[in-house]
Amino acid sequence: MQRPDYGQDAPGVMRGLAIGGALLAVLAFVSHSVPHKFGVRPSLFWQPSAALLATAAWMVWSSRVGKRRTVRALLDRHPWRGDEAVLDVGCGRGLATIAAAQRAPAGRIVGIDLWRSRDLAGNRPEAARANAEAAGVGARISFETGDATKLPFADGTFDVVVSMTALHNIPSAAGRCRAIEEAFRVLRPGGTLLIFDILHTRRYAALAKSSGARDIWLSSLAFLWALPGWSMAAKKPPLAEC
C-alpha cells in the first residue's frame, strides 16, 4: 500500500531559497577559482549560500518530519474518547485529519480547505482522499471545500476543531479573528480547539480567552519552516447547569 504523502509546505519559498543558495555557491566557486576576475573573497558568497541552503533543508525537514511530530503532540492535548466529531480547518493533504481519524475510530471526521497549491504542493481534495485511503481511514473522512472565515456548518457541530499551519494564510487580522470565532461557533460546549500556526498563535490564544475559553494552553516557541510558531489548545465553556 502506498504511504501517505503530505506534501511540501510553501513550495515556492523553499525552491527560491534552494535556487538562491545554489547560485551563490556557484559564484563562490568561481570567485575562488579565478579571484582576479571578481576581486572579492569567496566567503562573501559561501556564507549566505550556506544560510539559504540550510533554511531550504529545514523547510523540507519541517514538512516531511517536523509537522508530523507537531500534529501528534497537538492532538495529545485532547482526551480522546474515540467517537468525536472532528473538523480540520485548512486540512491540506489530510495530515491532521487522518491523525484525528486514527484517534477517533467511531467518530465523524471532516477536512475543509480552499486547496491553494501555493501554500502546499499538490494541495487538492484528490490528494487528501488518496492519503486517507492509504492510511486505511478513507471511509470515515469527508473532504470539503470551504472558507475558514465562514464555515458551512451549524453551531455546535464538532467536539474537536483542529488547524495545522493554515490560518496565517488568511491575509488580514480581521479575517484571522473571524476564523477563530467560527471555530468556536461550530464547537460543541465543552469542545476542544487545537491549533498550530506560525506568527499569530499568541493572538489566537488572546481571542480564545476573550471568547470565554477555558484551560487555554500555549506551547513553547518552535521553529518549523524557519519561522516562529506555537501550538495552542482551548476548551469551549460547557453550558451552564439549570
Protein backbone atom coordinates (compact mmCIF):
# COMPACT_ATOMS: atom_id res chain seq x y z
CA MET A 1 0.00 0.00 0.00
CA GLN A 2 1.26 3.48 -0.88
CA ARG A 3 2.27 5.60 2.10
CA PRO A 4 0.54 8.96 2.63
CA ASP A 5 2.38 11.95 1.16
CA TYR A 6 1.57 15.20 2.92
CA GLY A 7 3.46 17.46 0.52
CA GLN A 8 5.88 20.36 0.81
CA ASP A 9 4.64 23.48 2.56
CA ALA A 10 5.36 26.83 0.88
CA PRO A 11 6.97 25.08 -2.12
CA GLY A 12 7.73 28.34 -3.93
CA VAL A 13 9.62 29.74 -0.95
CA MET A 14 11.57 26.52 -0.49
CA ARG A 15 12.54 26.41 -4.18
CA GLY A 16 13.55 30.07 -4.13
CA LEU A 17 15.83 29.51 -1.15
CA ALA A 18 17.39 26.43 -2.71
CA ILE A 19 17.97 28.11 -6.08
CA GLY A 20 19.39 31.24 -4.47
CA GLY A 21 21.73 29.18 -2.31
CA ALA A 22 22.88 27.13 -5.29
CA LEU A 23 23.59 30.23 -7.39
CA LEU A 24 25.61 31.78 -4.58
CA ALA A 25 27.55 28.53 -4.22
CA VAL A 26 28.42 28.71 -7.93
CA LEU A 27 29.59 32.30 -7.53
CA ALA A 28 31.68 31.31 -4.52
CA PHE A 29 33.30 28.51 -6.51
CA VAL A 30 34.04 30.81 -9.46
CA SER A 31 35.42 33.58 -7.26
CA HIS A 32 37.68 31.04 -5.57
CA SER A 33 38.90 29.65 -8.88
CA VAL A 34 39.52 33.00 -10.58
CA PRO A 35 39.69 35.59 -7.79
CA HIS A 36 41.26 38.25 -10.05
CA LYS A 37 38.01 38.39 -12.04
CA PHE A 38 35.91 39.38 -9.03
CA GLY A 39 38.24 40.96 -6.53
CA VAL A 40 36.09 39.61 -3.65
CA ARG A 41 36.59 36.87 -1.11
CA PRO A 42 34.74 33.57 -1.74
CA SER A 43 33.40 33.73 1.84
CA LEU A 44 31.15 36.61 0.78
CA PHE A 45 29.24 34.03 -1.31
CA TRP A 46 29.75 30.85 0.72
CA GLN A 47 28.22 32.20 3.92
CA PRO A 48 24.88 33.38 2.52
CA SER A 49 24.79 30.31 0.28
CA ALA A 50 25.09 28.04 3.29
CA ALA A 51 22.41 30.00 5.14
CA LEU A 52 19.93 29.79 2.25
CA LEU A 53 20.56 26.10 1.60
CA ALA A 54 20.27 25.29 5.32
CA THR A 55 16.95 27.14 5.52
CA ALA A 56 15.64 25.27 2.46
CA ALA A 57 16.70 21.97 4.03
CA TRP A 58 14.98 22.93 7.29
CA MET A 59 11.77 23.67 5.39
CA VAL A 60 11.90 20.23 3.78
CA TRP A 61 12.52 18.59 7.18
CA SER A 62 9.66 20.59 8.70
CA SER A 63 7.25 19.39 6.00
CA ARG A 64 8.39 15.76 5.97
CA VAL A 65 9.13 15.13 9.66
CA GLY A 66 8.60 18.12 11.93
CA LYS A 67 4.94 18.80 11.22
CA ARG A 68 4.03 15.13 11.76
CA ARG A 69 5.59 15.25 15.23
CA THR A 70 3.85 18.56 15.94
CA VAL A 71 0.43 17.19 14.95
CA ARG A 72 0.86 14.17 17.22
CA ALA A 73 1.80 16.38 20.19
CA LEU A 74 -1.05 18.80 19.42
CA LEU A 75 -3.70 16.06 19.30
CA ASP A 76 -2.39 14.70 22.60
CA ARG A 77 -3.87 17.81 24.25
CA HIS A 78 -7.38 16.37 23.84
CA PRO A 79 -8.56 13.41 25.99
CA TRP A 80 -9.89 11.24 23.19
CA ARG A 81 -12.95 9.02 23.74
CA GLY A 82 -12.89 7.60 20.22
CA ASP A 83 -16.29 8.78 18.97
CA GLU A 84 -15.65 12.51 18.45
CA ALA A 85 -16.88 14.62 15.57
CA VAL A 86 -13.76 16.44 14.34
CA LEU A 87 -13.22 19.33 11.92
CA ASP A 88 -9.79 20.03 10.41
CA VAL A 89 -9.69 23.64 9.16
CA GLY A 90 -7.23 24.15 6.31
CA CYS A 91 -6.72 20.40 6.11
CA GLY A 92 -4.38 20.40 3.10
CA ARG A 93 -3.46 16.86 2.16
CA GLY A 94 -5.00 15.47 5.33
CA LEU A 95 -2.22 15.16 7.91
CA ALA A 96 -4.22 16.27 10.97
CA THR A 97 -7.49 14.91 9.55
CA ILE A 98 -6.06 11.41 9.23
CA ALA A 99 -4.32 11.55 12.62
CA ALA A 100 -7.63 12.54 14.23
CA ALA A 101 -9.47 9.72 12.44
CA GLN A 102 -6.95 7.26 13.85
CA ARG A 103 -7.72 8.51 17.37
CA ALA A 104 -11.50 8.51 16.87
CA PRO A 105 -12.30 5.17 15.19
CA ALA A 106 -16.01 5.60 15.89
CA GLY A 107 -16.07 9.29 15.06
CA ARG A 108 -17.00 11.55 12.16
CA ILE A 109 -14.06 13.44 10.62
CA VAL A 110 -14.29 16.36 8.18
CA GLY A 111 -11.46 18.21 6.46
CA ILE A 112 -12.09 21.58 4.83
CA ASP A 113 -9.78 23.66 2.65
CA LEU A 114 -9.62 26.15 -0.21
CA TRP A 115 -7.00 23.91 -1.89
CA ARG A 116 -4.36 26.54 -2.77
CA SER A 117 -1.23 24.91 -4.18
CA ARG A 118 0.99 27.90 -3.41
CA ASP A 119 0.59 27.09 0.30
CA LEU A 120 1.12 23.34 -0.08
CA ALA A 121 2.45 21.33 -3.01
CA GLY A 122 -0.23 19.23 -4.70
CA ASN A 123 -2.94 20.61 -2.43
CA ARG A 124 -6.19 19.20 -3.80
CA PRO A 125 -9.02 17.05 -2.42
CA GLU A 126 -7.99 14.06 -4.54
CA ALA A 127 -4.58 14.00 -2.85
CA ALA A 128 -6.17 14.20 0.60
CA ARG A 129 -8.56 11.36 -0.21
CA ALA A 130 -5.72 9.24 -1.57
CA ASN A 131 -3.77 9.78 1.66
CA ALA A 132 -6.81 8.81 3.75
CA GLU A 133 -7.23 5.61 1.73
CA ALA A 134 -3.52 4.82 2.09
CA ALA A 135 -3.83 5.28 5.86
CA GLY A 136 -6.87 2.98 5.98
CA VAL A 137 -9.32 5.62 7.22
CA GLY A 138 -10.83 6.80 3.94
CA ALA A 139 -14.31 5.51 4.75
CA ARG A 140 -14.53 7.69 7.87
CA ILE A 141 -13.32 11.02 6.44
CA SER A 142 -15.00 13.54 4.15
CA PHE A 143 -13.09 16.38 2.48
CA GLU A 144 -14.95 19.54 1.53
CA THR A 145 -14.22 22.94 0.00
CA GLY A 146 -14.85 25.88 2.31
CA ASP A 147 -13.57 29.08 3.89
CA ALA A 148 -12.27 29.18 7.47
CA THR A 149 -13.83 32.61 7.92
CA LYS A 150 -17.32 31.32 7.01
CA LEU A 151 -17.58 27.67 7.93
CA PRO A 152 -20.54 25.86 6.31
CA PHE A 153 -21.61 24.07 9.49
CA ALA A 154 -24.22 24.66 12.15
CA ASP A 155 -23.40 25.89 15.63
CA GLY A 156 -22.08 23.22 17.97
CA THR A 157 -21.43 20.56 15.33
CA PHE A 158 -17.99 19.30 16.40
CA ASP A 159 -16.30 18.01 19.54
CA VAL A 160 -12.84 18.98 18.27
CA VAL A 161 -11.69 21.64 15.80
CA VAL A 162 -8.07 21.39 14.73
CA SER A 163 -5.99 23.55 12.39
CA MET A 164 -2.39 22.94 11.37
CA THR A 165 -0.34 25.74 9.78
CA ALA A 166 -3.27 27.23 7.88
CA LEU A 167 -4.74 30.34 9.48
CA HIS A 168 -1.69 32.54 8.86
CA ASN A 169 -2.55 32.32 5.15
CA ILE A 170 -5.60 34.50 5.81
CA PRO A 171 -4.20 37.89 4.79
CA SER A 172 -5.93 40.19 7.29
CA ALA A 173 -6.01 40.24 11.08
CA ALA A 174 -9.78 40.70 10.89
CA GLY A 175 -10.06 37.56 8.77
CA ARG A 176 -7.98 35.52 11.20
CA CYS A 177 -10.16 36.81 14.02
CA ARG A 178 -13.28 35.65 12.17
CA ALA A 179 -11.69 32.22 11.66
CA ILE A 180 -11.18 31.83 15.42
CA GLU A 181 -14.74 32.99 16.07
CA GLU A 182 -16.04 30.50 13.52
CA ALA A 183 -14.03 27.67 15.05
CA PHE A 184 -15.61 28.38 18.44
CA ARG A 185 -19.05 28.73 16.90
CA VAL A 186 -19.02 25.22 15.40
CA LEU A 187 -17.59 23.67 18.58
CA ARG A 188 -19.97 22.00 20.96
CA PRO A 189 -19.97 23.24 24.57
CA GLY A 190 -17.01 21.62 26.27
CA GLY A 191 -15.30 21.01 22.90
CA THR A 192 -11.59 21.45 22.21
CA LEU A 193 -9.86 23.87 19.84
CA LEU A 194 -6.36 22.77 18.76
CA ILE A 195 -4.13 25.00 16.60
CA PHE A 196 -0.55 25.07 15.45
CA ASP A 197 0.39 28.10 13.41
CA ILE A 198 3.27 30.44 12.72
CA LEU A 199 3.49 34.12 13.68
CA HIS A 200 -0.02 34.74 15.06
CA THR A 201 -0.79 31.95 17.53
CA ARG A 202 -0.44 34.11 20.63
CA ARG A 203 -3.12 36.37 19.20
CA TYR A 204 -5.38 33.34 18.68
CA ALA A 205 -4.96 32.45 22.36
CA ALA A 206 -5.94 36.00 23.36
CA LEU A 207 -9.02 35.81 21.11
CA ALA A 208 -9.96 32.46 22.64
CA LYS A 209 -9.70 33.95 26.12
CA SER A 210 -11.88 36.91 25.14
CA SER A 211 -14.44 34.41 23.82
CA GLY A 212 -14.66 32.82 27.24
CA ALA A 213 -12.47 29.79 26.55
CA ARG A 214 -11.15 27.76 29.45
CA ASP A 215 -7.97 25.78 30.06
CA ILE A 216 -6.00 27.74 27.46
CA TRP A 217 -2.58 26.23 26.81
CA LEU A 218 0.21 27.72 24.72
CA SER A 219 3.34 25.73 23.88
CA SER A 220 6.91 26.92 23.95
CA LEU A 221 8.31 28.52 20.81
CA ALA A 222 9.01 26.22 17.84
CA PHE A 223 10.73 26.99 14.54
CA LEU A 224 9.11 24.88 11.86
CA TRP A 225 9.76 26.32 8.37
CA ALA A 226 12.31 28.67 10.00
CA LEU A 227 9.53 30.90 11.35
CA PRO A 228 8.32 31.24 14.97
CA GLY A 229 5.31 29.07 15.74
CA TRP A 230 3.31 27.82 18.69
CA SER A 231 0.70 25.19 19.47
CA MET A 232 -2.37 26.17 21.46
CA ALA A 233 -5.34 24.37 22.97
CA ALA A 234 -8.51 25.79 24.47
CA LYS A 235 -11.85 24.49 25.76
CA LYS A 236 -15.21 25.98 24.87
CA PRO A 237 -17.15 26.57 28.10
CA PRO A 238 -19.84 23.97 28.82
CA LEU A 239 -23.48 25.00 29.03
CA ALA A 240 -24.50 26.38 32.38
CA GLU A 241 -26.37 23.89 34.55
CA CYS A 242 -30.08 24.52 35.08
